[in-house]
């Protein structure tokens, strides 16, 4: 439409801002957008006037950014917490800077699960003290999942053309799955973490979310790049080629050896039915299916991973505060004290037990942390993904992204997560792509492709071939409850 002169960047930006007001803040009240960028229309106007538009792959494209990712504009970076309102970042996160240079219009900040699940073990996905409860646009009383729930909901509901999420374990792929869109958790080190609020350095990464594999591949091509401030992005194994759209081929699955993580299935018959149909489709597309491909798969947020995150969060968030002069909080202790003083507003449904456990930890030189880090890598790599892929000479492993359809929102008891496959690739630092595979009672079900480090492009190619063959994504219906 840009090329045909039917619309310009200002028109596009204003149409999304209007839709946010109509769909997100009234109407179904999705609560997916915390605040819009006051400069969005001005930025869009600059894009319309840019003579170099053809050299900028995202020129005029409206993008929302998760509220844990720094934007040096008129919006706070708050991790969904009222304690952090007014945290105006001194500069853009590395990934946001790359988006701007590619011509993207940063539309605003997306709501999220407060503090990326690190406040309480009884967290309700999609709830934050700053933004309230995010709602799934397919069925409004169902979870948006998280922690990048606002980013996923906004993409699914047509409030932006793409969004940035961030993940330590499942926080990109699970909400993408629950809302029926595409997401990739890249190999740790492919995308910089500078300016992204951390949880656990070995697993932290930012990543793109969009409605199609093509859009995710284009966004990843823009985001990926070495950053002198993030040593993980300078790994010698890192591929030099950063154009991930070149992997998007309809015959990408022909001859590919795909292992089925059969022991990640069996928690819900509706999900299993969709995945079995997906396996048949992969065969029809020429994939060689190895079923089952059994590994020492770990449960979501197991004991070693919990220890890793508690140590990592305390260290990382205190370093983040130290580098942000406008942050109203200066330490994790400050946040804990703020929450106690404002408990009625901040903790009406669940406490801050994880904060308190994290604050009691020592530094990253302690044996308990080093042991947890080593154990996470052993379970996920040596006895997990590496073992299975080497044994069967696999190109990828598939599984349902979530073990069940999105569960009912439950603020009092918290989440009802059963099954899913986010932990192994997250703990390994390996790439993980999720793509819509079908529907169950009007709720999305997704298929995951994951594999070894730096094979992000191959996984996107497999997901693209599957997506093109199935066209399984459905627009949200904004139903009030399951029929």
Protein backbone atom coordinates (compact mmCIF):
# COMPACT_ATOMS: atom_id res chain seq x y z
CA UNK A 1 0.00 0.00 0.00
CA UNK A 2 2.95 2.32 0.67
CA UNK A 3 4.36 1.57 -2.77
CA UNK A 4 1.01 2.17 -4.46
CA UNK A 5 0.53 5.47 -2.64
CA UNK A 6 -2.69 4.26 -0.99
CA UNK A 7 -1.48 5.04 2.52
CA UNK A 8 1.48 6.77 4.15
CA UNK A 9 3.25 6.21 7.46
CA UNK A 10 1.23 8.88 9.27
CA UNK A 11 -2.07 7.35 8.14
CA UNK A 12 -0.88 3.93 9.26
CA UNK A 13 0.35 5.15 12.63
CA UNK A 14 -2.86 7.06 13.35
CA UNK A 15 -4.98 4.06 12.37
CA UNK A 16 -3.16 1.88 14.91
CA UNK A 17 -3.38 4.55 17.62
CA UNK A 18 -7.13 4.77 16.98
CA UNK A 19 -7.47 0.99 17.10
CA UNK A 20 -5.56 0.87 20.40
CA UNK A 21 -8.02 3.37 21.85
CA UNK A 22 -11.03 1.47 20.49
CA UNK A 23 -10.01 -2.17 20.98
CA UNK A 24 -7.51 -2.10 23.83
CA UNK A 25 -8.80 0.57 26.20
CA UNK A 26 -12.52 0.35 25.56
CA UNK A 27 -14.42 -2.34 23.66
CA UNK A 28 -12.97 -5.68 24.84
CA UNK A 29 -10.47 -3.85 27.16
CA UNK A 30 -7.48 -6.02 26.36
CA UNK A 31 -5.04 -3.96 28.49
CA UNK A 32 -2.17 -4.92 26.19
CA UNK A 33 -0.72 -1.43 25.72
CA UNK A 34 0.59 0.43 28.78
CA UNK A 35 1.26 3.74 27.07
CA UNK A 36 1.67 5.10 23.57
CA UNK A 37 4.70 7.03 22.44
CA UNK A 38 3.78 10.76 22.40
CA UNK A 39 6.17 11.19 19.46
CA UNK A 40 4.75 8.35 17.37
CA UNK A 41 2.96 10.50 14.78
CA UNK A 42 5.97 12.82 14.44
CA UNK A 43 8.21 9.81 13.88
CA UNK A 44 5.79 8.48 11.28
CA UNK A 45 5.81 11.84 9.51
CA UNK A 46 9.61 11.72 9.40
CA UNK A 47 9.35 8.28 7.79
CA UNK A 48 6.94 9.60 5.16
CA UNK A 49 9.38 12.37 4.27
CA UNK A 50 12.48 10.17 4.30
CA UNK A 51 14.02 10.11 0.86
CA UNK A 52 16.02 7.04 1.83
CA UNK A 53 12.93 4.96 2.62
CA UNK A 54 13.86 2.22 0.14
CA UNK A 55 17.02 1.43 2.11
CA UNK A 56 15.14 1.08 5.40
CA UNK A 57 13.34 -2.28 5.53
CA UNK A 58 10.86 -1.24 8.25
CA UNK A 59 10.26 2.35 7.15
CA UNK A 60 6.98 3.53 8.69
CA UNK A 61 6.12 0.16 10.27
CA UNK A 62 4.53 0.52 13.76
CA UNK A 63 6.16 -1.68 16.41
CA UNK A 64 5.31 -2.09 20.10
CA UNK A 65 8.05 -2.78 22.65
CA UNK A 66 7.75 -4.85 25.82
CA UNK A 67 7.88 -2.71 28.95
CA UNK A 68 11.13 -4.31 30.11
CA UNK A 69 13.04 -2.94 27.08
CA UNK A 70 14.50 0.58 27.19
CA UNK A 71 13.19 3.28 24.87
CA UNK A 72 14.73 6.75 25.07
CA UNK A 73 11.49 8.60 24.38
CA UNK A 74 8.53 9.85 26.39
CA UNK A 75 7.63 6.44 27.84
CA UNK A 76 8.79 4.74 31.03
CA UNK A 77 10.48 1.35 31.18
CA UNK A 78 8.77 -0.17 34.20
CA UNK A 79 8.52 -3.97 33.88
CA UNK A 80 4.81 -3.41 34.53
CA UNK A 81 5.46 -2.15 38.07
CA UNK A 82 4.12 1.09 39.53
CA UNK A 83 7.39 1.23 41.48
CA UNK A 84 9.21 1.98 38.22
CA UNK A 85 6.96 4.65 36.71
CA UNK A 86 9.23 7.51 35.71
CA UNK A 87 12.18 5.30 34.78
CA UNK A 88 13.07 7.20 31.62
CA UNK A 89 15.89 5.34 29.91
CA UNK A 90 18.99 7.42 29.10
CA UNK A 91 19.27 5.67 25.73
CA UNK A 92 17.51 3.11 23.57
CA UNK A 93 18.15 -0.57 24.07
CA UNK A 94 20.45 -1.90 21.34
CA UNK A 95 17.51 -3.69 19.67
CA UNK A 96 15.32 -0.56 19.75
CA UNK A 97 18.13 1.46 18.18
CA UNK A 98 18.33 -1.10 15.37
CA UNK A 99 14.55 -0.87 14.84
CA UNK A 100 14.71 2.91 14.60
CA UNK A 101 17.60 2.81 12.14
CA UNK A 102 15.54 0.42 10.00
CA UNK A 103 12.73 2.99 9.95
CA UNK A 104 10.31 1.44 12.45
CA UNK A 105 7.93 3.70 14.35
CA UNK A 106 8.04 2.82 18.06
CA UNK A 107 4.35 2.98 18.85
CA UNK A 108 4.59 2.54 22.61
CA UNK A 109 5.11 0.10 25.47
CA UNK A 110 3.33 -3.24 25.80
CA UNK A 111 1.97 -4.45 29.13
CA UNK A 112 3.56 -7.58 30.60
CA UNK A 113 3.55 -9.99 33.50
CA UNK A 114 5.02 -7.80 36.23
CA UNK A 115 8.79 -8.21 36.70
CA UNK A 116 8.82 -11.12 34.22
CA UNK A 117 7.38 -13.61 36.75
CA UNK A 118 10.15 -12.91 39.24
CA UNK A 119 8.00 -11.39 42.01
CA UNK A 120 6.00 -14.43 43.10
CA UNK A 121 5.71 -18.14 42.47
CA UNK A 122 1.94 -17.61 42.37
CA UNK A 123 1.97 -15.00 39.62
CA UNK A 124 -1.00 -14.67 37.27
CA UNK A 125 0.24 -14.35 33.70
CA UNK A 126 -0.46 -10.96 32.16
CA UNK A 127 -1.15 -9.08 35.41
CA UNK A 128 0.84 -6.01 36.36
CA UNK A 129 0.28 -3.39 39.04
CA UNK A 130 0.73 -0.69 36.42
CA UNK A 131 -1.47 -2.04 33.65
CA UNK A 132 -3.88 -4.53 35.21
CA UNK A 133 -4.81 -7.88 33.64
CA UNK A 134 -4.09 -8.43 29.95
CA UNK A 135 -6.79 -10.48 28.18
CA UNK A 136 -6.54 -13.02 25.40
CA UNK A 137 -8.35 -11.59 22.33
CA UNK A 138 -9.55 -15.02 21.22
CA UNK A 139 -11.45 -15.68 24.46
CA UNK A 140 -11.34 -12.82 26.93
CA UNK A 141 -11.45 -14.81 30.17
CA UNK A 142 -8.43 -16.89 29.09
CA UNK A 143 -4.78 -16.21 29.82
CA UNK A 144 -2.64 -14.19 27.41
CA UNK A 145 0.31 -16.12 28.92
CA UNK A 146 3.53 -14.23 29.51
CA UNK A 147 5.63 -12.55 30.36
CA UNK A 148 5.49 -10.85 26.93
CA UNK A 149 1.70 -11.13 26.98
CA UNK A 150 0.95 -7.56 25.95
CA UNK A 151 3.26 -7.82 22.94
CA UNK A 152 1.54 -11.02 21.77
CA UNK A 153 -2.01 -9.76 22.36
CA UNK A 154 -1.31 -6.49 20.54
CA UNK A 155 0.02 -8.34 17.50
CA UNK A 156 -2.89 -10.81 17.47
CA UNK A 157 -5.50 -8.07 17.89
CA UNK A 158 -4.05 -5.91 15.13
CA UNK A 159 -2.79 -3.08 17.34
CA UNK A 160 0.64 -3.10 15.66
CA UNK A 161 2.40 -4.94 12.86
CA UNK A 162 5.04 -6.49 15.09
CA UNK A 163 6.34 -6.39 18.63
CA UNK A 164 9.42 -6.99 20.71
CA UNK A 165 9.32 -9.53 23.51
CA UNK A 166 11.97 -10.85 25.88
CA UNK A 167 12.41 -14.32 27.33
CA UNK A 168 14.25 -16.24 29.99
CA UNK A 169 11.99 -19.33 29.73
CA UNK A 170 8.85 -19.27 27.62
CA UNK A 171 8.16 -15.55 27.79
CA UNK A 172 8.14 -15.13 24.00
CA UNK A 173 6.99 -18.52 22.76
CA UNK A 174 4.22 -19.20 25.28
CA UNK A 175 2.29 -15.93 24.75
CA UNK A 176 2.83 -16.24 20.99
CA UNK A 177 1.29 -19.71 21.22
CA UNK A 178 -1.61 -18.63 23.45
CA UNK A 179 -2.56 -15.75 21.14
CA UNK A 180 -2.11 -17.54 17.82
CA UNK A 181 0.89 -15.68 16.39
CA UNK A 182 4.50 -16.45 15.46
CA UNK A 183 7.44 -15.84 17.79
CA UNK A 184 11.09 -16.74 18.01
CA UNK A 185 13.33 -17.02 21.02
CA UNK A 186 16.67 -16.60 19.27
CA UNK A 187 19.92 -18.32 20.12
CA UNK A 188 21.33 -16.45 23.12
CA UNK A 189 23.89 -14.10 21.59
CA UNK A 190 22.16 -13.57 18.25
CA UNK A 191 20.29 -10.52 19.59
CA UNK A 192 21.78 -8.06 22.08
CA UNK A 193 20.44 -7.79 25.64
CA UNK A 194 21.87 -4.30 26.31
CA UNK A 195 19.02 -2.17 27.67
CA UNK A 196 16.77 -5.16 28.39
CA UNK A 197 15.86 -5.76 32.05
CA UNK A 198 17.60 -9.04 32.92
CA UNK A 199 16.48 -12.19 34.71
CA UNK A 200 19.23 -14.78 34.15
CA UNK A 201 22.11 -13.91 31.82
CA UNK A 202 22.70 -17.43 30.39
CA UNK A 203 19.10 -17.53 29.16
CA UNK A 204 18.06 -13.90 28.63
CA UNK A 205 17.26 -12.75 25.10
CA UNK A 206 14.98 -10.38 23.24
CA UNK A 207 13.08 -11.52 20.15
CA UNK A 208 10.40 -10.58 17.61
CA UNK A 209 6.72 -11.48 17.47
CA UNK A 210 4.42 -11.03 14.46
CA UNK A 211 1.50 -12.62 12.66
CA UNK A 212 3.56 -14.46 10.04
CA UNK A 213 6.89 -16.24 9.83
CA UNK A 214 7.94 -13.85 7.06
CA UNK A 215 7.45 -10.83 9.31
CA UNK A 216 9.32 -12.48 12.19
CA UNK A 217 12.22 -13.34 9.86
CA UNK A 218 12.39 -9.75 8.59
CA UNK A 219 12.34 -8.37 12.14
CA UNK A 220 15.02 -10.81 13.28
CA UNK A 221 17.20 -9.76 10.35
CA UNK A 222 17.01 -6.19 11.63
CA UNK A 223 17.51 -7.05 15.31
CA UNK A 224 20.43 -9.48 14.99
CA UNK A 225 23.90 -8.01 15.24
CA UNK A 226 27.03 -7.93 17.39
CA UNK A 227 27.07 -5.48 20.29
CA UNK A 228 30.36 -4.55 21.98
CA UNK A 229 28.51 -4.23 25.29
CA UNK A 230 27.08 -7.76 25.17
CA UNK A 231 29.89 -10.34 24.95
CA UNK A 232 27.43 -13.12 24.07
CA UNK A 233 26.83 -11.44 20.69
CA UNK A 234 30.50 -11.76 19.77
CA UNK A 235 30.71 -15.55 19.96
CA UNK A 236 33.01 -16.98 17.28
CA UNK A 237 30.29 -19.49 16.24
CA UNK A 238 27.89 -16.69 15.38
CA UNK A 239 26.93 -16.77 11.67
CA UNK A 240 28.01 -13.74 9.64
CA UNK A 241 24.88 -13.81 7.48
CA UNK A 242 21.98 -11.94 9.07
CA UNK A 243 19.29 -12.15 6.35
CA UNK A 244 16.85 -14.67 7.77
CA UNK A 245 14.33 -14.18 4.97
CA UNK A 246 16.58 -16.27 2.70
CA UNK A 247 15.55 -19.40 4.64
CA UNK A 248 11.86 -18.95 3.81
CA UNK A 249 11.23 -21.67 1.26
CA UNK A 250 8.08 -23.72 0.80
CA UNK A 251 10.15 -26.88 0.36
CA UNK A 252 12.37 -26.27 3.41
CA UNK A 253 11.08 -29.44 5.12
CA UNK A 254 11.86 -31.78 2.22
CA UNK A 255 14.40 -34.29 3.52
CA UNK A 256 14.67 -32.63 6.93
CA UNK A 257 14.96 -35.03 9.87
CA UNK A 258 12.39 -33.94 12.46
CA UNK A 259 12.15 -35.59 15.88
CA UNK A 260 8.88 -35.71 17.80
CA UNK A 261 9.26 -35.03 21.54
CA UNK A 262 6.47 -37.51 22.22
CA UNK A 263 6.94 -37.34 25.99
CA UNK A 264 5.97 -33.64 25.86
CA UNK A 265 2.53 -34.64 24.63
CA UNK A 266 -0.34 -36.33 26.41
CA UNK A 267 -1.55 -33.55 28.73
CA UNK A 268 -4.61 -32.52 26.68
CA UNK A 269 -6.41 -34.49 23.98
CA UNK A 270 -7.35 -31.36 21.99
CA UNK A 271 -3.73 -30.24 21.76
CA UNK A 272 -2.58 -33.76 20.89
CA UNK A 273 -5.10 -33.93 18.04
CA UNK A 274 -3.75 -30.71 16.51
CA UNK A 275 -0.13 -31.86 16.88
CA UNK A 276 -0.84 -35.28 15.35
CA UNK A 277 -2.34 -33.52 12.33
CA UNK A 278 0.74 -31.30 12.18
CA UNK A 279 3.01 -34.34 12.15
CA UNK A 280 1.06 -35.73 9.18
CA UNK A 281 1.49 -32.38 7.40
CA UNK A 282 5.25 -32.43 7.99
CA UNK A 283 5.40 -35.92 6.44
CA UNK A 284 3.38 -34.70 3.45
CA UNK A 285 5.90 -31.85 3.05
CA UNK A 286 8.74 -34.34 2.76
CA UNK A 287 10.10 -34.38 6.29
CA UNK A 288 11.59 -37.58 7.69
CA UNK A 289 9.80 -38.04 11.02
CA UNK A 290 11.58 -39.73 13.92
CA UNK A 291 8.90 -40.58 16.47
CA UNK A 292 9.52 -40.71 19.35
CA UNK A 293 12.66 -38.66 20.00
CA UNK A 294 12.93 -39.07 23.77
CA UNK A 295 15.22 -36.94 25.92
CA UNK A 296 15.76 -36.05 29.56
CA UNK A 297 13.34 -33.15 29.24
CA UNK A 298 13.03 -30.89 32.26
CA UNK A 299 9.87 -29.46 33.81
CA UNK A 300 9.00 -25.80 33.46
CA UNK A 301 11.00 -23.76 35.96
CA UNK A 302 12.71 -26.72 37.64
CA UNK A 303 14.76 -26.42 40.83
CA UNK A 304 18.13 -25.72 39.16
CA UNK A 305 16.57 -23.14 36.83
CA UNK A 306 14.81 -21.45 39.73
CA UNK A 307 18.14 -21.13 41.57
CA UNK A 308 19.77 -19.74 38.42
CA UNK A 309 17.04 -17.13 38.06
CA UNK A 310 17.04 -16.06 41.71
CA UNK A 311 20.78 -15.40 41.71
CA UNK A 312 20.70 -13.92 38.22
CA UNK A 313 17.80 -11.60 38.87
CA UNK A 314 19.32 -10.03 41.99
CA UNK A 315 22.64 -9.45 40.26
CA UNK A 316 21.15 -8.30 36.96
CA UNK A 317 18.44 -5.99 38.24
CA UNK A 318 20.82 -4.23 40.65
CA UNK A 319 23.23 -3.65 37.75
CA UNK A 320 20.33 -2.35 35.65
CA UNK A 321 19.34 0.14 38.35
CA UNK A 322 22.93 1.33 38.68
CA UNK A 323 23.06 2.17 34.95
CA UNK A 324 19.74 4.06 34.95
CA UNK A 325 20.05 7.42 36.75
CA UNK A 326 16.34 8.20 36.39
CA UNK A 327 15.20 4.94 37.99
CA UNK A 328 13.12 5.62 41.11
CA UNK A 329 14.43 2.33 42.52
CA UNK A 330 18.15 1.87 43.22
CA UNK A 331 18.20 -1.76 44.38
CA UNK A 332 16.04 -4.86 44.71
CA UNK A 333 15.75 -3.97 48.40
CA UNK A 334 14.16 -0.65 47.39
CA UNK A 335 11.55 -2.47 45.29
CA UNK A 336 10.73 -4.85 48.15
CA UNK A 337 10.32 -1.91 50.54
CA UNK A 338 8.15 -0.03 48.02
CA UNK A 339 5.91 -3.05 47.57
CA UNK A 340 5.46 -3.44 51.32
CA UNK A 341 4.55 0.23 51.67
CA UNK A 342 2.11 0.03 48.76
CA UNK A 343 0.84 -3.51 49.25
CA UNK A 344 -2.81 -2.70 48.59
CA UNK A 345 -2.01 -1.47 45.10
CA UNK A 346 0.98 -3.69 44.25
CA UNK A 347 0.15 -6.98 45.97
CA UNK A 348 -3.64 -7.38 46.04
CA UNK A 349 -3.50 -10.95 44.68
CA UNK A 350 -0.05 -12.46 45.24
CA UNK A 351 3.02 -11.67 47.37
CA UNK A 352 6.70 -11.02 46.60
CA UNK A 353 8.17 -14.29 47.80
CA UNK A 354 10.56 -14.66 44.85
CA UNK A 355 11.87 -11.12 45.38
CA UNK A 356 12.65 -11.94 49.00
CA UNK A 357 14.32 -15.23 48.11
CA UNK A 358 16.38 -13.54 45.40
CA UNK A 359 17.45 -10.72 47.70
CA UNK A 360 18.77 -13.27 50.21
CA UNK A 361 21.16 -14.74 47.62
CA UNK A 362 24.84 -13.91 47.39
CA UNK A 363 26.80 -13.01 44.27
CA UNK A 364 27.42 -15.00 41.11
CA UNK A 365 30.66 -16.46 42.45
CA UNK A 366 28.84 -18.63 44.98
CA UNK A 367 29.02 -22.37 44.50
CA UNK A 368 25.23 -22.75 44.52
CA UNK A 369 24.90 -20.45 41.51
CA UNK A 370 27.77 -22.05 39.59
CA UNK A 371 26.35 -25.52 40.27
CA UNK A 372 22.85 -24.48 39.14
CA UNK A 373 24.24 -22.99 35.93
CA UNK A 374 26.19 -26.15 35.18
CA UNK A 375 23.18 -28.36 35.97
CA UNK A 376 20.88 -26.37 33.69
CA UNK A 377 23.29 -26.80 30.79
CA UNK A 378 23.74 -30.53 31.49
CA UNK A 379 19.99 -31.22 31.57
CA UNK A 380 19.13 -29.13 28.54
CA UNK A 381 22.15 -29.71 26.32
CA UNK A 382 24.23 -32.80 27.20
CA UNK A 383 21.33 -34.98 28.36
CA UNK A 384 18.65 -33.13 26.44
CA UNK A 385 18.67 -31.47 23.03
CA UNK A 386 22.25 -32.40 22.04
CA UNK A 387 21.80 -36.03 23.02
CA UNK A 388 18.54 -36.47 21.11
CA UNK A 389 19.64 -34.59 17.99
CA UNK A 390 22.98 -36.38 17.79
CA UNK A 391 21.46 -39.81 18.38
CA UNK A 392 18.94 -39.41 15.56
CA UNK A 393 20.89 -36.96 13.35
CA UNK A 394 18.01 -34.50 13.62
CA UNK A 395 17.59 -31.09 12.03
CA UNK A 396 14.95 -30.04 14.57
CA UNK A 397 12.71 -31.27 17.36
CA UNK A 398 8.98 -30.55 17.45
CA UNK A 399 6.49 -30.47 20.31
CA UNK A 400 3.36 -28.59 21.34
CA UNK A 401 4.48 -25.17 22.57
CA UNK A 402 1.98 -25.43 25.44
CA UNK A 403 0.60 -28.66 26.86
CA UNK A 404 -2.95 -27.29 27.08
CA UNK A 405 -5.03 -24.57 25.44
CA UNK A 406 -4.86 -21.22 27.29
CA UNK A 407 -6.25 -21.68 30.81
CA UNK A 408 -8.79 -19.48 32.59
CA UNK A 409 -7.41 -16.31 34.22
CA UNK A 410 -7.20 -16.90 37.98
CA UNK A 411 -5.89 -13.92 39.94
CA UNK A 412 -6.34 -15.59 43.32
CA UNK A 413 -4.66 -18.94 42.69
CA UNK A 414 -2.38 -18.03 39.79
CA UNK A 415 -1.44 -19.90 36.64
CA UNK A 416 -2.35 -23.43 35.64
CA UNK A 417 0.65 -24.28 33.45
CA UNK A 418 0.72 -27.95 32.44
CA UNK A 419 3.31 -29.26 30.02
CA UNK A 420 4.90 -27.37 27.18
CA UNK A 421 8.41 -27.38 25.74
CA UNK A 422 9.92 -23.97 26.52
CA UNK A 423 12.39 -25.10 29.21
CA UNK A 424 14.94 -27.21 27.26
CA UNK A 425 15.77 -24.65 24.51
CA UNK A 426 15.56 -21.79 27.03
CA UNK A 427 17.95 -23.42 29.50
CA UNK A 428 20.27 -24.44 26.66
CA UNK A 429 20.28 -20.96 25.13
CA UNK A 430 19.15 -22.56 21.85
CA UNK A 431 16.66 -21.19 19.27
CA UNK A 432 12.94 -21.93 19.50
CA UNK A 433 10.24 -20.96 16.97
CA UNK A 434 6.50 -21.28 17.60
CA UNK A 435 3.90 -21.17 14.83
CA UNK A 436 0.08 -21.54 14.87
CA UNK A 437 -1.00 -25.12 14.20
CA UNK A 438 -4.75 -25.16 14.81
CA UNK A 439 -7.57 -24.33 17.21
CA UNK A 440 -9.20 -26.08 20.16
CA UNK A 441 -12.57 -24.73 21.36
CA UNK A 442 -11.77 -21.39 19.72
CA UNK A 443 -8.33 -21.16 21.35
CA UNK A 444 -4.98 -21.34 19.52
CA UNK A 445 -2.69 -24.36 19.62
CA UNK A 446 0.90 -23.97 18.40
CA UNK A 447 3.72 -26.17 17.15
CA UNK A 448 7.30 -25.57 18.28
CA UNK A 449 10.49 -26.16 16.32
CA UNK A 450 13.71 -26.08 18.35
CA UNK A 451 17.26 -27.23 17.83
CA UNK A 452 20.93 -26.40 18.32
CA UNK A 453 22.56 -22.99 18.61
CA UNK A 454 22.75 -20.66 15.58
CA UNK A 455 20.23 -22.67 13.54
CA UNK A 456 17.58 -19.96 13.89
CA UNK A 457 17.26 -19.59 10.12
CA UNK A 458 16.69 -23.30 9.50
CA UNK A 459 13.95 -23.37 12.16
CA UNK A 460 12.27 -20.34 10.59
CA UNK A 461 12.40 -22.13 7.24
CA UNK A 462 10.71 -25.22 8.67
CA UNK A 463 8.06 -23.07 10.37
CA UNK A 464 7.48 -21.15 7.12
CA UNK A 465 6.94 -24.31 5.08
CA UNK A 466 4.50 -25.60 7.70
CA UNK A 467 2.69 -22.24 7.93
CA UNK A 468 2.28 -21.95 4.16
CA UNK A 469 0.88 -25.47 3.93
CA UNK A 470 -1.60 -25.12 6.79
CA UNK A 471 -2.56 -21.43 7.03
CA UNK A 472 -3.67 -22.29 10.57
CA UNK A 473 -3.64 -18.80 12.11
CA UNK A 474 -7.09 -17.40 12.88
CA UNK A 475 -8.04 -13.82 13.67
CA UNK A 476 -9.25 -13.40 17.26
CA UNK A 477 -13.02 -13.43 17.82
CA UNK A 478 -13.06 -11.51 21.14
CA UNK A 479 -15.47 -14.04 22.66
CA UNK A 480 -16.29 -13.55 26.33
CA UNK A 481 -15.79 -17.20 27.28
CA UNK A 482 -15.32 -20.68 25.81
CA UNK A 483 -18.43 -21.94 24.01
